[in-house]
Amino acid sequence: MSTDDAVYWDPYDPRFWSDPYPTYRRLREEAPLYYNEKYDFYAVSRHADVERGLPDWQTFSSARGGILELIKSGIEIPPGTLIFEDPPLHDIHRRLLSRVFTPRRIAALEPRVRDFCTRTLDPLVGTDRFDLIEAVGAQMPMRVIGMLLGIPEADQEAIRDSADESLRTEAGGQMDFRGGAVLNNEMFGDYIDWRRDNPSNDLMTDLLNAEFEDEDGTTRTLTREEIITYVTVVAGAGNETTGRLIGWIGSLLAQHPGQRRELVADPSLIPNAIEEILRYEPPGPSIARYATKDVDFHGEIVPAGSAVLFIVAAANRDESRHPDPDRFDVHRQIGQQLTFGLGPHYCLGAALARLEGRVAMEEILKRFPRWDVDWDDAKLAQTSTVRGWETLPLIIE
C-alpha cells in the first residue's frame, strides 16, 4: 500500500467531523494501532483493544490528563482532579463524590428534572420551529448540575458559559490549558465561601463537611482549593456531554422517523433508545491516556511516555462486537456500554446522564411526536473530547 493510500485521521481536522465513521472503519481494518505524526499520538479503534486498555490504569495512566492536549502540555494537575488521577489516590477522591451520585440520590432528582423540562417545553407548544440546543441542550444539564452543586438559578448560565468556554476550540484548533481554568475555576470560590456559613442539601455542603482519610493516613476535610477543583470537574463534565446527548436525540430521531413513531407509541422503549444513541453517536468520541511503559498492539510497540487515544466512537461500531453496527436500532441489545468508559474511571455521572436523556426524550416526544431538522442552519462542532450539535433547529410538523 502506498503512502498516499494510507489511512489518515486527525481529531482536530473539521473534514472528519460530519462523518468520521468511514475513517474509523478503515482504522479498525488497516491501522488498529494508528500513529499520528503531526500531533505525536497513538490511537486504537477496535472494541477489544479499547476494552482491554481503558481499565488498565497501571499501563494507561490518567495522571497526566484524559485529554490529548492536556497530556501533551505537561502541566501539573492539581490534586482532587479525580478524572485525571490513578488509584489509590483516585479511589480516595472518587469515594467522596460517589456519596452524591448514589442511585437513590440520582432517582430523587427525576421530579425536578422533569419539572424543568415541562417549564422549558410547554411554552414552545404551538410554535413551528425552535433550536433544541438553545431550548434544552444548553439549559437542562446546567440546571441539573446547578441543583446538585447549590448554585442559584440566576447565576447558573454564567457558570455554564465559563465551564463550556474552557472546553471550546476554533476549527482545527486545540484547547489551551495555560492558566488552568479548565481544571480550577475560581468562579466557584465565592459560592463555596458562602455555603460554609449557609449549609444546605447540596454537593458543596457535602464536600465542605466530608471527612476522609487521605493518602498519608490523615483524617481531614477538603481544603478550599480542593473543593474548587472538585466542583470545577463536576460542572465541566456534567454540562457539555449531556447537552450533546440531547442534541443527538433530536437529530437521530429526525433521521429515523419510523423508530421515532415506535417510541411515541411505546415509551418503555426509551431507556434502550438512549443506550443506542450513546453507542451510535457518543458525545465523547475518544479518551486519552499516557503510556507508562512500552506496550504491544498488533505486533507494534507504543513507546513508554506516549499519548494514546482510545477511540470509543470507533469501538462502538466494531463489527466484531455489534452486528450491522452502522445501523441505528432502538431495539438493539447493547450490553456493556463503552461510551462512559471502563474500569476505575467509569463515568461517575452515567446514571445522571441517562436520567436526563430519558426524561428529555419522554417530554419532547409527548409534545412533539414529529419533527424535521433545518439541516442548512444546523451546526456540528467537535473538540478533541466532545462532538455534537452547537445548533439544531427543529421544524415541527
Protein backbone atom coordinates (compact mmCIF):
# COMPACT_ATOMS: atom_id res chain seq x y z
CA MET A 1 0.00 0.00 0.00
CA SER A 2 1.47 3.34 -0.98
CA THR A 3 1.75 6.22 1.49
CA ASP A 4 -0.92 8.12 -0.46
CA ASP A 5 -3.42 5.31 0.17
CA ALA A 6 -2.66 5.00 3.88
CA VAL A 7 -5.50 5.92 6.21
CA TYR A 8 -5.20 9.35 7.83
CA TRP A 9 -7.12 10.64 10.83
CA ASP A 10 -6.81 13.91 12.74
CA PRO A 11 -9.15 14.72 15.67
CA TYR A 12 -8.67 18.45 15.08
CA ASP A 13 -9.45 18.46 11.34
CA PRO A 14 -13.04 19.61 10.58
CA ARG A 15 -13.09 17.38 7.47
CA PHE A 16 -13.65 14.41 9.77
CA TRP A 17 -16.34 15.93 11.97
CA SER A 18 -19.54 15.43 9.96
CA ASP A 19 -19.00 11.71 9.38
CA PRO A 20 -15.86 10.18 10.90
CA TYR A 21 -17.19 6.63 10.73
CA PRO A 22 -15.83 5.55 7.30
CA THR A 23 -12.38 6.63 8.54
CA TYR A 24 -12.91 4.79 11.83
CA ARG A 25 -13.76 1.65 9.85
CA ARG A 26 -10.51 1.96 7.90
CA LEU A 27 -8.59 2.46 11.14
CA ARG A 28 -10.07 -0.73 12.60
CA GLU A 29 -9.30 -2.68 9.43
CA GLU A 30 -5.99 -1.20 8.23
CA ALA A 31 -4.35 0.51 11.21
CA PRO A 32 -5.69 -0.90 14.52
CA LEU A 33 -2.70 0.83 16.08
CA TYR A 34 -2.53 4.21 14.37
CA TYR A 35 0.21 6.81 14.78
CA ASN A 36 -0.38 10.48 14.01
CA GLU A 37 3.00 12.06 13.31
CA LYS A 38 1.73 15.66 13.22
CA TYR A 39 0.49 15.61 16.82
CA ASP A 40 2.61 12.69 18.06
CA PHE A 41 -0.04 10.37 19.47
CA TYR A 42 -1.18 6.78 19.00
CA ALA A 43 -4.80 5.68 18.61
CA VAL A 44 -6.62 2.37 18.93
CA SER A 45 -10.05 1.79 17.42
CA ARG A 46 -11.08 -1.85 17.88
CA HIS A 47 -13.54 -2.75 20.61
CA ALA A 48 -11.29 -5.43 22.11
CA ASP A 49 -8.34 -3.01 22.35
CA VAL A 50 -10.39 -0.23 23.96
CA GLU A 51 -11.97 -2.75 26.33
CA ARG A 52 -8.50 -4.03 27.27
CA GLY A 53 -6.82 -0.64 27.61
CA LEU A 54 -9.23 1.62 29.49
CA PRO A 55 -9.38 -0.39 32.76
CA ASP A 56 -5.59 -0.95 32.77
CA TRP A 57 -4.60 2.17 34.68
CA GLN A 58 -1.16 0.79 35.54
CA THR A 59 -0.25 0.82 31.82
CA PHE A 60 -2.50 3.61 30.55
CA SER A 61 -2.38 6.32 33.18
CA SER A 62 -4.80 9.21 33.72
CA ALA A 63 -2.34 11.11 35.93
CA ARG A 64 -1.32 13.46 33.11
CA GLY A 65 -4.90 14.01 31.97
CA GLY A 66 -7.61 12.38 29.90
CA ILE A 67 -7.47 14.97 27.11
CA LEU A 68 -4.83 14.82 24.38
CA GLU A 69 -3.81 18.48 24.70
CA LEU A 70 -3.54 18.17 28.46
CA ILE A 71 -1.20 15.17 28.24
CA LYS A 72 0.94 16.94 25.63
CA SER A 73 1.03 20.18 27.65
CA GLY A 74 2.96 18.61 30.54
CA ILE A 75 1.30 20.91 33.08
CA GLU A 76 0.96 19.80 36.68
CA ILE A 77 -2.58 18.74 37.52
CA PRO A 78 -3.97 19.87 40.91
CA PRO A 79 -4.83 17.15 43.44
CA GLY A 80 -8.52 16.31 43.58
CA THR A 81 -8.97 16.34 39.81
CA LEU A 82 -10.10 12.76 40.17
CA ILE A 83 -10.75 12.16 36.47
CA PHE A 84 -7.04 12.89 36.00
CA GLU A 85 -5.70 10.65 38.76
CA ASP A 86 -4.78 6.99 39.19
CA PRO A 87 -5.56 4.66 42.11
CA PRO A 88 -5.11 4.64 45.03
CA LEU A 89 -5.38 8.47 45.21
CA HIS A 90 -8.15 8.44 42.61
CA ASP A 91 -10.18 5.98 44.68
CA ILE A 92 -9.92 8.12 47.81
CA HIS A 93 -11.15 11.21 45.99
CA ARG A 94 -13.81 9.36 43.99
CA ARG A 95 -15.40 7.94 47.14
CA LEU A 96 -16.12 11.47 48.33
CA LEU A 97 -18.11 12.26 45.19
CA SER A 98 -19.73 8.85 44.88
CA ARG A 99 -21.75 9.70 48.01
CA VAL A 100 -23.52 12.37 45.96
CA PHE A 101 -24.07 10.21 42.86
CA THR A 102 -25.80 7.28 44.59
CA PRO A 103 -28.70 5.68 42.67
CA ARG A 104 -31.10 6.88 45.36
CA ARG A 105 -29.92 10.49 45.13
CA ILE A 106 -30.00 10.50 41.32
CA ALA A 107 -33.51 8.98 41.29
CA ALA A 108 -34.65 11.70 43.68
CA LEU A 109 -33.69 14.32 41.09
CA GLU A 110 -36.14 13.00 38.48
CA PRO A 111 -39.19 15.09 39.50
CA ARG A 112 -37.09 18.27 39.39
CA VAL A 113 -35.53 17.33 36.05
CA ARG A 114 -38.98 16.63 34.64
CA ASP A 115 -40.34 19.88 36.05
CA PHE A 116 -37.55 21.78 34.33
CA CYS A 117 -38.34 20.03 31.02
CA THR A 118 -42.02 20.86 31.40
CA ARG A 119 -41.31 24.53 32.09
CA THR A 120 -38.96 24.69 29.11
CA LEU A 121 -41.03 22.81 26.53
CA ASP A 122 -44.61 23.87 27.33
CA PRO A 123 -44.12 27.45 26.04
CA LEU A 124 -42.85 26.02 22.74
CA VAL A 125 -46.03 24.02 22.04
CA GLY A 126 -47.74 25.58 19.02
CA THR A 127 -44.55 27.03 17.53
CA ASP A 128 -43.43 25.72 14.16
CA ARG A 129 -39.70 25.63 14.96
CA PHE A 130 -37.17 26.01 17.77
CA ASP A 131 -33.49 25.29 18.38
CA LEU A 132 -33.28 22.15 20.53
CA ILE A 133 -29.80 23.05 21.80
CA GLU A 134 -30.76 26.56 22.83
CA ALA A 135 -34.04 25.45 24.42
CA VAL A 136 -33.00 22.21 26.13
CA GLY A 137 -29.44 21.02 25.40
CA ALA A 138 -27.72 24.13 26.75
CA GLN A 139 -30.18 24.55 29.61
CA MET A 140 -31.16 21.25 31.21
CA PRO A 141 -27.69 19.94 32.18
CA MET A 142 -26.79 23.36 33.58
CA ARG A 143 -29.94 23.43 35.73
CA VAL A 144 -29.41 19.89 36.99
CA ILE A 145 -25.74 20.43 37.85
CA GLY A 146 -26.71 23.75 39.42
CA MET A 147 -29.22 21.92 41.61
CA LEU A 148 -26.58 19.38 42.63
CA LEU A 149 -23.96 22.00 43.40
CA GLY A 150 -26.24 24.53 45.05
CA ILE A 151 -25.65 27.34 42.53
CA PRO A 152 -28.53 29.87 42.50
CA GLU A 153 -30.56 29.70 39.27
CA ALA A 154 -29.75 33.31 38.43
CA ASP A 155 -26.03 32.51 38.32
CA GLN A 156 -26.12 29.16 36.56
CA GLU A 157 -25.77 30.46 32.99
CA ALA A 158 -22.59 32.39 33.79
CA ILE A 159 -21.10 29.31 35.45
CA ARG A 160 -22.03 27.10 32.49
CA ASP A 161 -20.63 29.54 29.95
CA SER A 162 -17.37 29.75 31.86
CA ALA A 163 -17.06 25.95 32.04
CA ASP A 164 -18.01 25.47 28.38
CA GLU A 165 -15.75 28.21 27.09
CA SER A 166 -12.73 26.49 28.58
CA LEU A 167 -13.57 23.37 26.54
CA ARG A 168 -14.24 25.11 23.22
CA THR A 169 -11.78 25.31 20.35
CA GLU A 170 -11.72 27.02 16.98
CA ALA A 171 -11.99 24.76 13.93
CA GLY A 172 -8.78 22.76 13.74
CA GLY A 173 -7.53 24.30 16.99
CA GLN A 174 -6.62 22.84 20.34
CA MET A 175 -7.56 23.56 23.94
CA ASP A 176 -5.30 25.96 25.78
CA PHE A 177 -4.52 24.76 29.29
CA ARG A 178 -2.27 27.66 30.22
CA GLY A 179 -3.74 29.30 33.30
CA GLY A 180 -5.53 26.12 34.38
CA ALA A 181 -9.13 27.45 34.30
CA VAL A 182 -10.30 24.15 32.83
CA LEU A 183 -9.07 22.39 35.95
CA ASN A 184 -9.73 25.00 38.62
CA ASN A 185 -12.43 27.64 38.06
CA GLU A 186 -12.17 30.36 40.71
CA MET A 187 -15.77 31.45 39.91
CA PHE A 188 -16.86 28.75 42.37
CA GLY A 189 -14.87 30.21 45.26
CA ASP A 190 -17.50 32.74 46.36
CA TYR A 191 -20.25 30.11 46.42
CA ILE A 192 -18.10 27.77 48.48
CA ASP A 193 -17.30 30.53 50.96
CA TRP A 194 -21.00 31.38 51.27
CA ARG A 195 -22.00 27.73 51.69
CA ARG A 196 -19.53 27.40 54.56
CA ASP A 197 -21.76 29.73 56.59
CA ASN A 198 -25.05 28.71 54.95
CA PRO A 199 -25.14 24.91 54.65
CA SER A 200 -27.77 23.23 52.50
CA ASN A 201 -28.62 19.87 50.94
CA ASP A 202 -26.17 20.11 48.06
CA LEU A 203 -22.79 18.91 46.83
CA MET A 204 -20.83 21.93 48.09
CA THR A 205 -22.12 21.44 51.64
CA ASP A 206 -21.34 17.72 51.44
CA LEU A 207 -17.79 18.40 50.29
CA LEU A 208 -17.22 21.05 52.95
CA ASN A 209 -18.22 18.63 55.70
CA ALA A 210 -16.88 15.35 54.34
CA GLU A 211 -14.21 13.74 56.50
CA PHE A 212 -11.91 11.22 54.86
CA GLU A 213 -8.59 9.51 55.29
CA ASP A 214 -6.09 10.88 52.78
CA GLU A 215 -3.15 9.11 51.15
CA ASP A 216 -0.97 9.86 54.20
CA GLY A 217 -3.43 8.21 56.57
CA THR A 218 -4.54 11.59 57.97
CA THR A 219 -8.26 12.08 58.70
CA ARG A 220 -9.25 15.53 57.47
CA THR A 221 -11.68 17.61 55.45
CA LEU A 222 -11.04 19.04 51.98
CA THR A 223 -9.26 22.36 51.56
CA ARG A 224 -10.98 25.24 49.79
CA GLU A 225 -8.77 24.72 46.72
CA GLU A 226 -9.60 21.02 46.62
CA ILE A 227 -13.33 21.76 46.76
CA ILE A 228 -12.99 24.27 43.91
CA THR A 229 -11.25 21.58 41.87
CA TYR A 230 -13.96 19.01 42.62
CA VAL A 231 -16.76 21.41 41.71
CA THR A 232 -14.97 22.52 38.52
CA VAL A 233 -14.65 18.89 37.42
CA VAL A 234 -18.34 18.13 38.10
CA ALA A 235 -19.58 21.29 36.36
CA GLY A 236 -17.44 20.75 33.27
CA ALA A 237 -18.13 17.03 32.91
CA GLY A 238 -21.86 17.34 33.53
CA ASN A 239 -22.75 20.19 31.21
CA GLU A 240 -21.15 19.69 27.83
CA THR A 241 -21.56 15.95 27.22
CA THR A 242 -25.19 15.71 28.40
CA GLY A 243 -26.12 18.68 26.25
CA ARG A 244 -24.61 16.89 23.26
CA LEU A 245 -26.61 13.74 24.08
CA ILE A 246 -29.85 15.77 23.90
CA GLY A 247 -28.77 17.11 20.50
CA TRP A 248 -28.18 13.59 19.18
CA ILE A 249 -31.67 12.61 20.37
CA GLY A 250 -33.11 15.37 18.17
CA SER A 251 -31.06 14.64 15.06
CA LEU A 252 -31.17 10.83 15.12
CA LEU A 253 -34.92 10.63 15.70
CA ALA A 254 -35.45 13.08 12.84
CA GLN A 255 -33.39 10.80 10.59
CA HIS A 256 -35.29 7.68 11.73
CA PRO A 257 -38.97 8.70 11.84
CA GLY A 258 -40.18 5.09 11.86
CA GLN A 259 -38.32 4.36 15.08
CA ARG A 260 -39.48 7.68 16.50
CA ARG A 261 -43.09 6.57 15.90
CA GLU A 262 -42.35 3.36 17.82
CA LEU A 263 -41.01 5.37 20.76
CA VAL A 264 -44.09 7.62 20.77
CA ALA A 265 -46.35 4.56 20.75
CA ASP A 266 -44.33 2.68 23.39
CA PRO A 267 -42.32 4.92 25.75
CA SER A 268 -40.97 1.82 27.55
CA LEU A 269 -38.53 1.57 24.62
CA ILE A 270 -36.96 4.93 25.52
CA PRO A 271 -34.29 3.76 28.03
CA ASN A 272 -32.86 1.34 25.45
CA ALA A 273 -33.09 4.03 22.77
CA ILE A 274 -30.85 6.21 24.95
CA GLU A 275 -28.33 3.35 25.13
CA GLU A 276 -28.34 3.03 21.35
CA ILE A 277 -27.87 6.79 20.87
CA LEU A 278 -24.92 6.69 23.27
CA ARG A 279 -23.41 3.82 21.29
CA TYR A 280 -24.17 5.24 17.86
CA GLU A 281 -23.11 8.85 18.46
CA PRO A 282 -21.13 9.08 21.73
CA PRO A 283 -20.82 12.72 22.87
CA GLY A 284 -17.23 11.95 23.93
CA PRO A 285 -15.69 10.18 20.90
CA SER A 286 -12.30 9.41 22.44
CA ILE A 287 -10.48 9.14 25.76
CA ALA A 288 -6.78 9.93 26.12
CA ARG A 289 -4.24 8.15 28.31
CA TYR A 290 -0.48 8.22 28.93
CA ALA A 291 1.53 5.01 28.39
CA THR A 292 3.66 4.28 31.45
CA LYS A 293 5.66 1.54 29.71
CA ASP A 294 6.21 0.04 26.28
CA VAL A 295 3.05 -1.79 25.22
CA ASP A 296 2.29 -4.05 22.25
CA PHE A 297 -0.72 -3.64 19.97
CA HIS A 298 -0.94 -5.97 16.98
CA GLY A 299 2.80 -6.56 16.86
CA GLU A 300 3.71 -2.86 17.08
CA ILE A 301 5.09 -1.08 20.13
CA VAL A 302 3.70 2.04 21.72
CA PRO A 303 6.74 3.52 23.49
CA ALA A 304 6.55 4.48 27.17
CA GLY A 305 5.72 8.16 27.52
CA SER A 306 3.37 8.23 24.51
CA ALA A 307 -0.12 9.71 24.41
CA VAL A 308 -2.73 7.11 23.41
CA LEU A 309 -6.27 7.89 22.23
CA PHE A 310 -8.88 5.21 22.77
CA ILE A 311 -11.44 5.98 20.07
CA VAL A 312 -14.65 4.92 21.77
CA ALA A 313 -16.77 6.06 18.80
CA ALA A 314 -14.85 3.67 16.53
CA ALA A 315 -15.00 0.79 19.02
CA ASN A 316 -18.77 1.28 19.39
CA ARG A 317 -19.16 0.43 15.71
CA ASP A 318 -16.84 -2.56 15.62
CA GLU A 319 -18.50 -5.36 13.61
CA SER A 320 -16.95 -7.97 15.88
CA ARG A 321 -18.95 -6.55 18.81
CA HIS A 322 -22.15 -5.18 17.24
CA PRO A 323 -23.70 -6.81 14.15
CA ASP A 324 -24.51 -4.28 11.41
CA PRO A 325 -23.00 -1.54 13.62
CA ASP A 326 -23.73 1.40 11.30
CA ARG A 327 -27.47 0.75 11.56
CA PHE A 328 -29.32 2.76 14.19
CA ASP A 329 -31.70 0.43 16.05
CA VAL A 330 -33.53 1.34 19.25
CA HIS A 331 -34.21 -2.39 19.82
CA ARG A 332 -30.51 -3.35 19.79
CA GLN A 333 -29.27 -5.25 22.83
CA ILE A 334 -26.04 -3.46 23.65
CA GLY A 335 -24.78 -4.94 26.90
CA GLN A 336 -21.70 -3.24 28.27
CA GLN A 337 -21.51 0.38 27.11
CA LEU A 338 -18.06 1.80 26.26
CA THR A 339 -19.30 5.37 25.97
CA PHE A 340 -18.94 6.02 29.71
CA GLY A 341 -15.52 4.39 29.85
CA LEU A 342 -14.49 1.28 31.79
CA GLY A 343 -12.65 0.48 34.99
CA PRO A 344 -11.77 2.91 37.79
CA HIS A 345 -12.68 5.93 35.65
CA TYR A 346 -16.12 4.71 34.60
CA CYS A 347 -18.17 7.91 34.39
CA LEU A 348 -19.45 8.83 37.84
CA GLY A 349 -22.34 10.75 36.25
CA ALA A 350 -23.50 7.96 33.91
CA ALA A 351 -26.76 7.40 35.79
CA LEU A 352 -27.45 11.13 35.82
CA ALA A 353 -26.78 11.46 32.07
CA ARG A 354 -29.10 8.53 31.37
CA LEU A 355 -31.78 10.08 33.57
CA GLU A 356 -31.56 13.45 31.82
CA GLY A 357 -31.57 11.85 28.37
CA ARG A 358 -34.56 9.65 29.17
CA VAL A 359 -36.63 12.44 30.71
CA ALA A 360 -35.77 14.82 27.86
CA MET A 361 -36.80 12.25 25.24
CA GLU A 362 -40.03 11.41 27.07
CA GLU A 363 -41.08 15.02 27.44
CA ILE A 364 -40.09 16.03 23.89
CA LEU A 365 -41.98 13.11 22.31
CA LYS A 366 -45.09 13.83 24.41
CA ARG A 367 -45.34 17.32 22.93
CA PHE A 368 -43.65 16.95 19.55
CA PRO A 369 -44.19 13.48 18.08
CA ARG A 370 -42.97 14.59 14.64
CA TRP A 371 -40.27 16.96 13.51
CA ASP A 372 -37.62 17.50 10.89
CA VAL A 373 -34.34 19.40 11.15
CA ASP A 374 -33.37 22.53 9.22
CA TRP A 375 -30.05 20.94 8.24
CA ASP A 376 -28.85 24.08 6.45
CA ASP A 377 -28.86 26.00 9.73
CA ALA A 378 -27.71 23.12 11.95
CA LYS A 379 -24.11 23.39 13.12
CA LEU A 380 -21.99 20.44 14.23
CA ALA A 381 -18.86 21.07 16.27
CA GLN A 382 -16.08 18.99 17.78
CA THR A 383 -13.15 19.32 20.12
CA SER A 384 -10.67 16.55 20.86
CA THR A 385 -13.05 15.38 23.60
CA VAL A 386 -16.64 16.29 22.61
CA ARG A 387 -18.65 16.06 19.38
CA GLY A 388 -22.22 17.26 18.88
CA TRP A 389 -24.61 19.94 17.75
CA GLU A 390 -24.00 23.61 18.53
CA THR A 391 -27.33 24.50 16.91
CA LEU A 392 -30.12 22.12 15.86
CA PRO A 393 -33.25 23.95 14.58
CA LEU A 394 -36.26 21.61 14.71
CA ILE A 395 -39.12 22.14 12.25
CA ILE A 396 -42.29 20.94 13.97
CA GLU A 397 -44.67 19.03 11.71
